[in-house]
N, C-alpha and C. Protein backbone atom coordinates (compact mmCIF):
# COMPACT_ATOMS: atom_id res chain seq x y z
N MET A 1 -43.65 33.18 21.74
CA MET A 1 -42.76 34.30 21.26
C MET A 1 -42.66 34.68 20.02
N THR A 2 -42.07 35.62 19.38
CA THR A 2 -41.74 35.69 18.08
C THR A 2 -40.71 35.18 17.81
N LYS A 3 -40.66 33.93 16.57
CA LYS A 3 -39.68 33.52 15.87
C LYS A 3 -38.54 34.16 15.37
N VAL A 4 -37.28 34.06 15.89
CA VAL A 4 -36.22 34.71 15.03
C VAL A 4 -35.71 34.33 13.71
N SER A 5 -35.96 35.35 12.92
CA SER A 5 -35.57 34.51 11.58
C SER A 5 -34.08 34.16 11.37
N ASP A 6 -33.59 32.88 11.01
CA ASP A 6 -31.98 33.36 10.00
C ASP A 6 -31.29 34.32 9.89
N GLN A 7 -31.77 34.60 9.16
CA GLN A 7 -31.27 35.83 8.52
C GLN A 7 -31.11 36.61 9.45
N LEU A 8 -31.51 37.13 10.81
CA LEU A 8 -31.39 37.88 12.01
C LEU A 8 -31.18 37.40 12.60
N TRP A 9 -30.88 36.82 12.56
CA TRP A 9 -30.09 35.96 13.29
C TRP A 9 -28.52 35.63 13.37
N PHE A 10 -27.86 35.51 12.15
CA PHE A 10 -26.99 35.40 11.40
C PHE A 10 -26.09 37.09 11.39
N ARG A 11 -27.30 37.50 11.05
CA ARG A 11 -26.84 39.46 11.30
C ARG A 11 -26.07 39.87 12.58
N LEU A 12 -27.05 39.53 13.65
CA LEU A 12 -26.81 39.46 15.56
C LEU A 12 -25.18 39.47 15.64
N VAL A 13 -24.91 37.78 15.29
CA VAL A 13 -23.88 37.31 14.89
C VAL A 13 -22.50 37.50 14.23
N HIS A 14 -23.18 37.84 13.59
CA HIS A 14 -21.93 38.69 12.30
C HIS A 14 -21.43 39.75 13.16
N SER A 15 -22.30 40.27 13.40
CA SER A 15 -22.11 41.54 14.08
C SER A 15 -21.42 41.65 15.03
N LEU A 16 -21.21 40.83 16.31
CA LEU A 16 -20.76 40.21 18.16
C LEU A 16 -19.21 39.75 16.86
N ARG A 17 -19.61 38.73 15.78
CA ARG A 17 -18.37 38.63 14.98
C ARG A 17 -17.13 38.99 14.87
N GLU A 18 -17.74 39.96 14.29
CA GLU A 18 -17.02 41.87 14.38
C GLU A 18 -16.38 42.74 15.70
N LEU A 19 -17.06 42.78 16.19
CA LEU A 19 -16.96 42.95 17.30
C LEU A 19 -15.63 42.64 17.96
N ALA A 20 -16.08 41.04 18.04
CA ALA A 20 -14.53 40.20 18.41
C ALA A 20 -12.79 40.46 18.10
N GLU A 21 -13.28 40.76 16.46
CA GLU A 21 -11.81 40.17 16.30
C GLU A 21 -11.61 41.98 16.13
N LEU A 22 -12.50 42.92 16.53
CA LEU A 22 -11.76 44.42 16.22
C LEU A 22 -11.95 44.07 17.95
N GLY A 23 -12.23 43.41 18.92
CA GLY A 23 -11.34 43.90 20.43
C GLY A 23 -9.97 42.49 20.48
N LYS A 24 -9.54 41.72 19.85
CA LYS A 24 -8.75 41.09 20.25
C LYS A 24 -7.20 42.02 20.68
N GLY A 25 -6.25 40.78 21.45
CA GLY A 25 -5.81 41.47 22.63
C GLY A 25 -6.06 42.47 23.42
N ARG A 26 -8.14 42.78 23.49
CA ARG A 26 -8.30 43.72 24.57
C ARG A 26 -8.31 42.72 25.40
N ASN A 27 -7.73 42.21 27.16
CA ASN A 27 -7.97 41.59 28.00
C ASN A 27 -9.90 41.90 29.17
N VAL A 28 -10.88 42.33 27.90
CA VAL A 28 -12.45 42.22 28.34
C VAL A 28 -12.38 41.78 29.36
N LYS A 29 -12.74 40.18 29.85
CA LYS A 29 -13.49 39.41 30.01
C LYS A 29 -12.84 38.96 31.31
N GLY A 30 -11.32 38.75 31.45
CA GLY A 30 -10.65 38.35 32.38
C GLY A 30 -9.50 37.12 32.32
N THR A 31 -9.25 36.71 33.43
CA THR A 31 -7.76 35.74 32.91
C THR A 31 -8.20 34.70 33.30
N THR A 32 -9.76 34.63 35.16
CA THR A 32 -9.94 33.76 35.59
C THR A 32 -10.42 31.75 34.73
N LYS A 33 -10.64 30.62 35.10
CA LYS A 33 -10.59 29.82 35.15
C LYS A 33 -12.32 30.36 34.47
N ALA A 34 -13.04 30.18 35.66
CA ALA A 34 -14.44 30.11 34.79
C ALA A 34 -14.49 31.98 34.09
N SER A 35 -14.04 32.11 33.80
CA SER A 35 -14.38 33.19 32.94
C SER A 35 -14.40 32.98 31.30
N ARG A 36 -12.27 32.18 31.11
CA ARG A 36 -12.44 31.54 30.10
C ARG A 36 -13.61 30.90 29.72
N THR A 37 -13.78 30.03 30.25
CA THR A 37 -14.90 28.76 30.42
C THR A 37 -16.14 29.48 29.41
N GLN A 38 -16.61 30.92 30.28
CA GLN A 38 -17.84 31.39 29.46
C GLN A 38 -17.80 32.03 28.23
N GLN A 39 -16.32 32.12 27.72
CA GLN A 39 -16.04 33.27 26.54
C GLN A 39 -15.42 31.59 25.37
N ARG A 40 -15.85 30.45 26.23
CA ARG A 40 -15.35 29.50 24.99
C ARG A 40 -16.93 29.36 24.40
N ILE A 41 -17.53 29.10 26.19
CA ILE A 41 -19.12 29.37 25.71
C ILE A 41 -20.00 30.37 23.73
N LEU A 42 -19.53 31.42 25.17
CA LEU A 42 -19.93 32.60 24.20
C LEU A 42 -19.16 31.95 22.37
N ASP A 43 -18.70 32.44 22.43
CA ASP A 43 -17.81 31.84 20.77
C ASP A 43 -18.37 30.77 20.56
N ALA A 44 -18.85 29.46 21.49
CA ALA A 44 -19.40 28.50 20.38
C ALA A 44 -20.83 28.93 19.82
N ALA A 45 -21.19 29.46 20.92
CA ALA A 45 -22.58 29.46 20.97
C ALA A 45 -22.81 30.71 19.40
N ILE A 46 -21.44 31.86 19.23
CA ILE A 46 -21.49 32.66 17.49
C ILE A 46 -21.45 31.37 17.05
N ASP A 47 -20.46 30.85 17.54
CA ASP A 47 -19.97 30.97 15.90
C ASP A 47 -21.09 28.92 15.42
N ILE A 48 -22.42 28.93 16.10
CA ILE A 48 -23.30 27.51 15.65
C ILE A 48 -24.18 28.72 14.74
N VAL A 49 -24.40 30.03 15.33
CA VAL A 49 -25.16 31.06 14.77
C VAL A 49 -25.11 30.92 13.53
N GLN A 50 -23.42 31.57 13.43
CA GLN A 50 -24.06 32.03 12.27
C GLN A 50 -23.23 31.05 11.64
N ALA A 51 -23.02 29.79 11.29
CA ALA A 51 -23.06 28.76 9.96
C ALA A 51 -24.01 28.18 10.26
N GLN A 52 -24.66 27.86 10.82
CA GLN A 52 -26.59 27.48 10.69
C GLN A 52 -27.42 28.01 11.26
N GLY A 53 -27.69 29.18 11.80
CA GLY A 53 -28.84 29.74 11.82
C GLY A 53 -29.56 29.65 13.08
N GLY A 54 -30.02 30.79 13.56
CA GLY A 54 -31.18 30.64 13.97
C GLY A 54 -31.59 29.09 15.23
N GLY A 55 -32.34 28.67 14.27
CA GLY A 55 -32.88 26.87 14.09
C GLY A 55 -31.80 26.07 14.92
N GLN A 56 -31.17 26.15 15.32
CA GLN A 56 -29.73 25.23 15.58
C GLN A 56 -28.96 25.30 17.04
N PHE A 57 -30.05 27.12 16.68
CA PHE A 57 -29.38 27.60 17.90
C PHE A 57 -30.01 26.73 20.21
N SER A 58 -29.74 25.71 20.26
CA SER A 58 -30.08 24.66 21.65
C SER A 58 -28.48 25.20 22.50
N LEU A 59 -29.07 24.77 23.77
CA LEU A 59 -28.02 25.16 24.55
C LEU A 59 -27.47 23.15 24.54
N ASP A 60 -28.11 22.48 23.81
CA ASP A 60 -26.64 21.02 23.96
C ASP A 60 -26.55 20.87 22.94
N THR A 61 -26.88 21.75 22.07
CA THR A 61 -25.54 21.54 20.31
C THR A 61 -24.40 23.05 21.12
N VAL A 62 -24.77 24.02 21.66
CA VAL A 62 -23.76 25.32 22.47
C VAL A 62 -22.52 24.76 23.32
N ALA A 63 -23.56 23.74 23.87
CA ALA A 63 -21.91 22.94 25.34
C ALA A 63 -21.31 22.02 24.53
N LYS A 64 -21.93 21.14 23.35
CA LYS A 64 -21.13 20.21 22.27
C LYS A 64 -20.00 21.03 22.29
N HIS A 65 -20.24 22.01 21.41
CA HIS A 65 -19.44 22.65 20.44
C HIS A 65 -18.22 23.15 21.31
N ALA A 66 -19.05 23.66 22.53
CA ALA A 66 -17.65 24.13 23.47
C ALA A 66 -16.54 24.03 24.43
N GLY A 67 -17.15 22.21 24.13
CA GLY A 67 -16.43 20.65 25.09
C GLY A 67 -16.61 21.33 26.13
N VAL A 68 -18.32 21.17 26.43
CA VAL A 68 -18.90 21.62 27.61
C VAL A 68 -19.60 20.68 28.10
N SER A 69 -20.22 20.52 29.66
CA SER A 69 -20.56 19.37 29.81
C SER A 69 -21.72 20.02 29.90
N LYS A 70 -23.76 19.68 29.76
CA LYS A 70 -24.27 20.47 29.70
C LYS A 70 -24.99 21.17 30.93
N GLY A 71 -24.56 20.25 32.62
CA GLY A 71 -24.43 21.05 33.41
C GLY A 71 -23.12 21.96 33.69
N GLY A 72 -21.91 21.90 32.77
CA GLY A 72 -21.16 22.66 32.65
C GLY A 72 -21.63 24.57 32.73
N LEU A 73 -22.23 24.14 31.14
CA LEU A 73 -23.42 25.69 30.30
C LEU A 73 -24.08 25.62 31.56
N LEU A 74 -24.67 25.49 31.95
CA LEU A 74 -26.08 25.93 32.59
C LEU A 74 -25.17 26.56 34.32
N TYR A 75 -24.42 25.95 34.89
CA TYR A 75 -23.76 26.89 35.47
C TYR A 75 -23.30 28.32 35.12
N ASN A 76 -23.00 28.42 34.28
CA ASN A 76 -22.76 29.35 33.52
C ASN A 76 -23.86 30.36 33.12
N PHE A 77 -24.56 29.94 32.30
CA PHE A 77 -25.65 30.64 31.97
C PHE A 77 -26.86 29.30 32.05
N PRO A 78 -27.98 29.65 33.13
CA PRO A 78 -28.60 29.05 33.21
C PRO A 78 -29.81 29.03 32.48
N SER A 79 -30.09 29.55 31.50
CA SER A 79 -31.04 29.69 30.47
C SER A 79 -30.37 30.34 28.77
N LYS A 80 -31.37 29.56 27.94
CA LYS A 80 -31.00 30.29 26.82
C LYS A 80 -30.98 31.79 26.83
N HIS A 81 -31.98 32.79 27.47
CA HIS A 81 -32.32 33.61 27.52
C HIS A 81 -31.01 34.20 28.42
N ALA A 82 -30.63 34.04 29.21
CA ALA A 82 -29.54 33.79 30.01
C ALA A 82 -27.93 33.95 28.54
N LEU A 83 -28.44 32.91 27.83
CA LEU A 83 -26.57 33.27 27.42
C LEU A 83 -27.01 33.88 26.12
N ILE A 84 -27.74 34.20 25.72
CA ILE A 84 -28.63 35.70 24.68
C ILE A 84 -28.23 36.98 24.89
N ARG A 85 -28.34 37.11 26.36
CA ARG A 85 -28.34 38.34 27.50
C ARG A 85 -26.26 38.15 26.72
N ALA A 86 -26.25 37.55 27.53
CA ALA A 86 -24.45 37.97 27.11
C ALA A 86 -24.03 38.22 26.00
N MET A 87 -24.57 37.23 25.42
CA MET A 87 -24.17 37.87 23.59
C MET A 87 -24.35 39.17 23.18
N VAL A 88 -26.04 40.02 24.27
CA VAL A 88 -25.94 41.12 23.63
C VAL A 88 -24.76 42.21 24.21
N GLN A 89 -24.36 42.06 25.55
CA GLN A 89 -23.02 42.58 26.79
C GLN A 89 -22.59 42.20 26.22
N HIS A 90 -22.18 41.42 25.65
CA HIS A 90 -20.12 41.05 25.14
C HIS A 90 -20.17 41.90 24.09
N HIS A 91 -21.19 42.69 22.84
CA HIS A 91 -21.17 42.84 22.07
C HIS A 91 -21.33 44.95 22.35
N VAL A 92 -21.88 44.73 23.29
CA VAL A 92 -21.47 46.39 24.50
C VAL A 92 -20.28 46.60 24.75
N ASP A 93 -19.59 45.92 25.68
CA ASP A 93 -18.40 45.80 25.90
C ASP A 93 -17.49 45.84 24.90
N ASP A 94 -17.64 45.47 24.05
CA ASP A 94 -16.81 45.72 22.69
C ASP A 94 -16.86 47.21 22.20
N ALA A 95 -18.17 46.90 21.68
CA ALA A 95 -18.27 48.63 21.40
C ALA A 95 -17.69 49.81 22.18
N ARG A 96 -17.79 49.98 23.09
CA ARG A 96 -17.16 50.06 23.89
C ARG A 96 -15.28 50.04 24.29
N ALA A 97 -14.87 49.41 24.36
CA ALA A 97 -13.69 49.50 24.01
C ALA A 97 -13.44 49.86 22.52
N ASN A 98 -13.38 48.71 21.92
CA ASN A 98 -13.56 49.90 20.06
C ASN A 98 -12.91 51.31 20.20
N ILE A 99 -14.31 51.65 21.47
CA ILE A 99 -14.75 53.35 20.84
C ILE A 99 -13.24 53.85 21.30
N ALA A 100 -12.99 53.33 23.04
CA ALA A 100 -12.06 53.69 23.70
C ALA A 100 -10.65 53.76 22.88
N GLU A 101 -10.54 52.60 21.83
CA GLU A 101 -9.87 52.55 21.47
C GLU A 101 -9.04 53.60 20.77
N ALA A 102 -9.76 54.03 19.89
CA ALA A 102 -9.69 55.51 18.73
C ALA A 102 -9.86 56.13 19.93
N GLU A 103 -11.34 56.20 20.70
CA GLU A 103 -10.48 58.08 21.12
C GLU A 103 -8.94 58.43 22.20
N GLN A 104 -8.46 56.92 22.00
CA GLN A 104 -6.77 57.31 22.16
C GLN A 104 -6.01 57.31 21.17
N ALA A 105 -6.66 56.90 20.05
CA ALA A 105 -5.29 56.77 18.76
C ALA A 105 -5.38 58.80 18.39
N ILE A 106 -6.74 59.27 18.63
CA ILE A 106 -7.07 60.71 18.19
C ILE A 106 -6.86 61.66 19.12
N ALA A 107 -6.31 61.08 20.43
CA ALA A 107 -6.68 62.49 21.53
C ALA A 107 -5.12 63.27 21.44
N GLY A 108 -4.46 63.21 20.70
CA GLY A 108 -3.11 64.03 20.05
C GLY A 108 -3.67 65.20 18.94
N ASP A 109 -4.57 64.91 18.36
CA ASP A 109 -4.86 65.77 16.98
C ASP A 109 -5.62 66.89 17.22
N PRO A 110 -5.74 68.11 16.47
CA PRO A 110 -5.86 69.78 16.51
C PRO A 110 -7.17 69.80 15.88
N TYR A 111 -8.28 68.13 15.81
CA TYR A 111 -9.75 68.46 15.14
C TYR A 111 -10.42 68.37 16.78
N ARG A 112 -11.82 68.52 16.10
CA ARG A 112 -12.66 69.31 17.16
C ARG A 112 -13.49 67.00 16.85
N HIS A 113 -14.81 67.32 17.32
CA HIS A 113 -15.35 66.31 17.87
C HIS A 113 -14.38 64.91 17.63
N LYS A 114 -14.21 64.70 18.96
CA LYS A 114 -13.01 63.97 18.99
C LYS A 114 -14.49 62.50 19.51
N LEU A 115 -15.30 62.92 20.62
CA LEU A 115 -15.78 61.34 20.82
C LEU A 115 -16.18 60.80 19.44
N MET A 116 -17.01 61.39 18.69
CA MET A 116 -17.75 61.18 17.30
C MET A 116 -17.29 60.86 16.10
N ARG A 117 -16.38 61.59 15.97
CA ARG A 117 -15.33 60.70 15.20
C ARG A 117 -14.84 59.59 15.95
N SER A 118 -14.53 59.31 16.90
CA SER A 118 -13.95 58.01 17.55
C SER A 118 -15.32 56.52 17.04
N PHE A 119 -16.48 57.30 16.79
CA PHE A 119 -17.76 56.63 17.40
C PHE A 119 -18.41 56.52 15.81
N LEU A 120 -17.28 57.63 15.23
CA LEU A 120 -17.34 57.14 13.20
C LEU A 120 -16.06 56.53 12.71
N LYS A 121 -15.15 56.22 13.63
CA LYS A 121 -14.32 55.52 12.95
C LYS A 121 -14.04 53.50 13.51
N GLY A 122 -15.32 53.43 14.51
CA GLY A 122 -15.39 52.11 14.29
C GLY A 122 -16.62 51.72 13.67
N LEU A 123 -17.72 52.35 12.90
CA LEU A 123 -17.98 51.99 12.14
C LEU A 123 -17.30 51.87 10.25
N CYS A 124 -16.26 52.19 10.51
CA CYS A 124 -15.63 52.63 9.15
C CYS A 124 -14.75 51.15 9.27
N SER A 125 -14.36 51.03 10.58
CA SER A 125 -13.83 49.28 10.48
C SER A 125 -14.52 48.04 10.39
N LYS A 126 -16.05 48.82 10.84
CA LYS A 126 -17.00 47.29 10.59
C LYS A 126 -17.29 47.21 8.72
N PHE A 127 -17.37 48.71 8.47
CA PHE A 127 -17.61 48.42 7.09
C PHE A 127 -16.60 48.16 6.42
N LYS A 128 -14.89 47.82 6.90
CA LYS A 128 -14.22 47.71 5.37
C LYS A 128 -13.84 46.20 5.77
N ASN A 129 -14.78 45.60 7.06
CA ASN A 129 -14.79 43.71 6.66
C ASN A 129 -15.54 44.07 6.01
N ASP A 130 -17.03 44.59 6.16
CA ASP A 130 -18.40 43.57 5.45
C ASP A 130 -19.34 44.78 4.87
N ASN A 131 -18.94 44.63 4.05
CA ASN A 131 -20.01 45.94 3.91
C ASN A 131 -21.49 46.24 3.45
N ASN A 132 -21.91 44.81 4.80
CA ASN A 132 -22.92 44.34 4.64
C ASN A 132 -23.49 44.16 6.19
N ALA A 133 -22.13 44.94 6.84
CA ALA A 133 -22.22 45.14 8.18
C ALA A 133 -23.52 46.09 9.88
N ALA A 134 -24.19 44.64 10.00
CA ALA A 134 -25.68 45.93 10.56
C ALA A 134 -25.19 45.32 12.16
N SER A 135 -26.16 46.00 13.23
CA SER A 135 -26.43 45.95 14.61
C SER A 135 -26.73 44.09 14.57
N GLY A 136 -27.90 44.02 14.12
CA GLY A 136 -28.28 42.68 14.03
C GLY A 136 -28.92 43.41 15.23
N MET A 137 -29.90 43.70 16.14
CA MET A 137 -29.82 43.63 17.02
C MET A 137 -31.96 43.19 17.32
N LEU A 138 -32.09 43.81 15.88
CA LEU A 138 -33.44 42.87 15.74
C LEU A 138 -33.67 41.94 16.42
N ALA A 139 -33.14 41.31 16.42
CA ALA A 139 -33.08 39.00 17.03
C ALA A 139 -33.59 39.37 18.26
N ALA A 140 -32.75 39.74 18.98
CA ALA A 140 -33.13 40.11 20.63
C ALA A 140 -34.23 41.23 20.90
N ILE A 141 -35.14 41.57 19.53
CA ILE A 141 -36.16 42.59 20.00
C ILE A 141 -36.34 41.45 19.92
N ALA A 142 -36.66 40.43 19.01
CA ALA A 142 -38.02 39.86 17.98
C ALA A 142 -38.56 38.73 20.20
N ASP A 143 -36.85 37.90 20.20
CA ASP A 143 -37.26 37.49 21.24
C ASP A 143 -37.53 38.11 22.39
N ASP A 144 -36.95 39.00 22.42
CA ASP A 144 -37.31 39.42 24.78
C ASP A 144 -36.86 40.85 24.06
N PRO A 145 -37.28 41.56 24.52
CA PRO A 145 -36.93 43.63 23.96
C PRO A 145 -36.12 43.79 25.33
N SER A 146 -36.71 43.20 26.39
CA SER A 146 -35.88 43.34 27.66
C SER A 146 -33.96 43.58 27.22
N MET A 147 -34.38 42.01 26.44
CA MET A 147 -32.40 42.21 26.09
C MET A 147 -31.75 43.22 25.86
N LEU A 148 -32.23 44.27 24.69
CA LEU A 148 -31.29 45.33 24.20
C LEU A 148 -31.62 46.32 25.46
N ASP A 149 -31.44 46.65 26.71
CA ASP A 149 -31.25 47.12 27.19
C ASP A 149 -30.36 47.41 27.51
N PRO A 150 -29.14 46.80 27.48
CA PRO A 150 -27.11 47.43 27.78
C PRO A 150 -26.79 48.00 26.91
N VAL A 151 -27.60 48.35 25.27
CA VAL A 151 -28.23 48.50 24.14
C VAL A 151 -28.29 49.24 24.40
N ARG A 152 -29.76 50.19 24.91
CA ARG A 152 -30.46 51.28 25.40
C ARG A 152 -29.31 51.93 26.07
N THR A 153 -28.99 51.77 26.62
CA THR A 153 -27.95 52.04 28.23
C THR A 153 -26.42 52.93 27.27
N PHE A 154 -25.58 51.73 26.70
CA PHE A 154 -24.35 52.29 25.80
C PHE A 154 -25.35 53.48 24.92
N HIS A 155 -26.49 53.72 24.02
CA HIS A 155 -26.40 54.67 22.98
C HIS A 155 -26.61 56.03 23.74
N LYS A 156 -27.72 55.66 24.69
CA LYS A 156 -28.02 56.51 25.42
C LYS A 156 -26.61 57.91 26.54
N GLU A 157 -26.01 56.95 26.79
CA GLU A 157 -24.97 57.46 27.51
C GLU A 157 -24.09 58.07 26.25
N MET A 158 -23.42 57.15 25.20
CA MET A 158 -23.06 57.64 24.17
C MET A 158 -23.40 58.83 23.38
N PHE A 159 -24.62 58.92 23.26
CA PHE A 159 -25.62 60.67 22.72
C PHE A 159 -25.47 61.47 23.48
N GLU A 160 -25.55 61.32 24.85
CA GLU A 160 -25.07 62.53 26.20
C GLU A 160 -23.49 62.72 26.57
N ARG A 161 -22.83 61.99 25.87
CA ARG A 161 -22.10 62.68 25.85
C ARG A 161 -20.87 63.15 24.30
N ILE A 162 -21.76 62.61 23.38
CA ILE A 162 -21.73 62.72 22.71
C ILE A 162 -21.54 64.33 22.39
N GLN A 163 -23.02 64.55 22.62
CA GLN A 163 -23.54 65.98 23.26
C GLN A 163 -23.26 67.49 23.76
N ALA A 164 -22.49 66.88 25.10
CA ALA A 164 -21.55 67.27 25.96
C ALA A 164 -20.25 67.52 25.41
N GLU A 165 -20.28 66.82 24.44
CA GLU A 165 -18.05 67.30 24.91
C GLU A 165 -18.14 68.13 23.24
N SER A 166 -18.91 68.13 22.18
CA SER A 166 -18.98 68.05 20.80
C SER A 166 -18.23 69.30 20.90
N GLU A 167 -17.96 70.35 20.40
CA GLU A 167 -17.43 71.75 20.19
C GLU A 167 -18.94 72.17 18.96
N ASP A 168 -19.43 71.75 18.24
CA ASP A 168 -21.02 72.30 18.00
C ASP A 168 -22.23 70.96 17.81
N PRO A 169 -22.81 70.25 19.59
CA PRO A 169 -23.39 69.71 19.31
C PRO A 169 -25.07 69.59 18.53
N GLY A 170 -25.42 70.77 17.94
CA GLY A 170 -25.90 70.21 16.52
C GLY A 170 -25.84 69.83 15.90
N LEU A 171 -24.56 69.78 15.12
CA LEU A 171 -23.42 69.35 13.38
C LEU A 171 -23.28 67.62 14.15
N ALA A 172 -23.03 67.31 15.42
CA ALA A 172 -22.73 66.16 15.95
C ALA A 172 -23.90 65.47 16.35
N LYS A 173 -24.97 66.21 17.17
CA LYS A 173 -27.15 65.40 16.56
C LYS A 173 -27.02 65.56 15.12
N LEU A 174 -26.77 65.57 13.54
CA LEU A 174 -27.45 65.66 12.63
C LEU A 174 -26.11 64.07 12.42
N VAL A 175 -24.96 64.20 12.65
CA VAL A 175 -23.92 63.16 11.70
C VAL A 175 -24.25 61.86 12.94
N TYR A 176 -25.06 62.43 14.57
CA TYR A 176 -25.50 61.04 14.96
C TYR A 176 -26.78 60.41 13.96
N LEU A 177 -27.61 60.84 14.07
CA LEU A 177 -28.59 60.79 13.24
C LEU A 177 -28.96 59.63 11.74
N ALA A 178 -27.38 60.92 11.33
CA ALA A 178 -26.91 59.37 10.06
C ALA A 178 -26.42 58.30 10.37
N VAL A 179 -25.67 58.05 11.26
CA VAL A 179 -25.25 57.35 11.51
C VAL A 179 -26.23 55.97 11.96
N GLU A 180 -27.53 56.20 12.74
CA GLU A 180 -28.75 55.76 13.03
C GLU A 180 -28.75 55.25 12.00
N GLY A 181 -29.51 55.96 10.94
CA GLY A 181 -30.03 56.17 9.89
C GLY A 181 -29.09 54.73 8.87
N ILE A 182 -28.41 54.68 8.87
CA ILE A 182 -27.16 53.52 8.26
C ILE A 182 -27.53 52.42 8.98
N ASN A 183 -27.54 52.78 10.26
CA ASN A 183 -27.67 51.22 11.19
C ASN A 183 -29.35 50.15 10.81
N HIS A 184 -29.95 51.19 10.67
CA HIS A 184 -31.48 50.91 10.74
C HIS A 184 -31.81 49.80 9.05
N ASN A 185 -30.86 51.34 8.19
CA ASN A 185 -31.04 50.67 6.87
C ASN A 185 -30.43 49.18 6.92
N GLY A 186 -29.48 49.10 7.26
CA GLY A 186 -28.58 47.20 7.48
C GLY A 186 -29.38 46.86 8.06
N ILE A 187 -30.79 47.22 9.10
CA ILE A 187 -30.98 45.86 9.34
C ILE A 187 -31.81 45.53 8.73
N PHE A 188 -32.97 46.86 8.21
CA PHE A 188 -34.05 46.54 7.83
C PHE A 188 -33.45 46.22 5.97
N GLN A 189 -31.99 46.32 5.00
CA GLN A 189 -32.45 46.27 4.09
C GLN A 189 -32.89 46.81 3.17
N ILE A 190 -33.40 48.13 3.99
CA ILE A 190 -34.17 48.89 2.52
C ILE A 190 -33.42 49.55 1.55
N LEU A 191 -32.08 49.62 1.18
CA LEU A 191 -31.65 49.99 -0.16
C LEU A 191 -30.31 49.51 -0.13
N ASP A 192 -29.77 48.83 -1.11
CA ASP A 192 -28.08 48.54 -0.96
C ASP A 192 -27.39 48.92 -0.36
N GLU A 193 -26.78 48.74 0.57
CA GLU A 193 -24.89 49.28 0.95
C GLU A 193 -24.74 49.73 0.27
N LYS A 194 -24.03 48.57 -0.64
CA LYS A 194 -23.07 48.87 -1.60
C LYS A 194 -23.30 50.15 -3.13
N GLN A 195 -24.77 50.17 -2.93
CA GLN A 195 -25.04 51.39 -3.72
C GLN A 195 -24.91 53.05 -3.14
N LEU A 196 -24.85 52.97 -1.61
CA LEU A 196 -24.46 53.81 -1.07
C LEU A 196 -23.04 54.51 -0.67
N ASP A 197 -22.84 54.02 -0.53
CA ASP A 197 -21.51 53.62 -0.41
C ASP A 197 -20.29 54.19 0.74
N ILE A 198 -21.35 53.50 1.64
CA ILE A 198 -21.42 53.70 3.11
C ILE A 198 -20.29 53.61 4.09
N GLU A 199 -18.66 52.98 2.93
CA GLU A 199 -18.02 53.57 3.73
C GLU A 199 -17.02 54.82 3.47
N GLU A 200 -17.67 55.08 2.22
CA GLU A 200 -16.74 56.32 1.95
C GLU A 200 -18.15 57.62 2.28
N GLN A 201 -18.76 57.79 2.30
CA GLN A 201 -19.96 58.19 3.71
C GLN A 201 -19.75 59.17 5.15
N LEU A 202 -18.88 57.43 5.89
CA LEU A 202 -18.43 57.68 6.80
C LEU A 202 -17.42 58.27 6.76
N GLU A 203 -16.01 58.28 5.97
CA GLU A 203 -15.04 58.89 5.98
C GLU A 203 -15.58 60.24 5.88
N ARG A 204 -16.51 60.83 4.91
CA ARG A 204 -16.50 62.16 4.59
C ARG A 204 -17.52 63.04 5.84
N MET A 205 -18.43 62.08 7.44
CA MET A 205 -19.23 62.97 8.18
C MET A 205 -17.70 62.86 8.66
N ILE A 206 -16.64 61.65 9.04
CA ILE A 206 -14.95 62.07 9.86
C ILE A 206 -14.68 63.33 9.66
N GLU A 207 -14.60 63.75 8.02
CA GLU A 207 -13.71 65.04 8.16
C GLU A 207 -14.92 66.40 7.80
N ILE A 208 -16.25 66.36 7.61
CA ILE A 208 -17.18 67.41 8.38
C ILE A 208 -17.19 67.50 9.66
N LEU A 209 -17.01 66.69 10.44
CA LEU A 209 -16.55 67.48 12.38
C LEU A 209 -15.13 68.45 12.06
N LYS A 210 -14.45 67.33 11.48
CA LYS A 210 -13.13 68.29 11.69
C LYS A 210 -12.82 69.54 11.73
């Protein structure tokens, strides 16, 4: 399999960590002992890859950092791939929760394109915390393309909802494609994100959609 660079691993994990911060206070995973253990293992995996890069991402290291036995880790995540898949799913779950929270916040305003603006507001929150934020999912592609299936499903559903619920589907599609361009620029580092004033551009798109 293709070796995943530490930089791409860092971007994947940083994106997951951002979404976890945005999702604090939400009971996404439940409160059972098993779910708390799974969350502790996920947090440990994110911490290790963020601090040390993908080269240090082993199940033994994660188990030690999480304070569980190797057997306990394998009970919750039977393989390294299973753990990575859980990290990707965690990313998607928090993205859904973040957009739902933004939708609720603007539900009463008189403006158009509520879902697309909620999608943009979530991105604005990320860029306020880190101007170099990107989805980082290229790391998962390199390791196993099927790991991106939850991300594909999420974006397909989101795009279909945006088209169905927007007062001007053509404008919403244009903005959505612009957002995807921003995400891809972040992944491949084509242009300097600070030079592009991405946060300002996202805010301008929100105003255009009103």
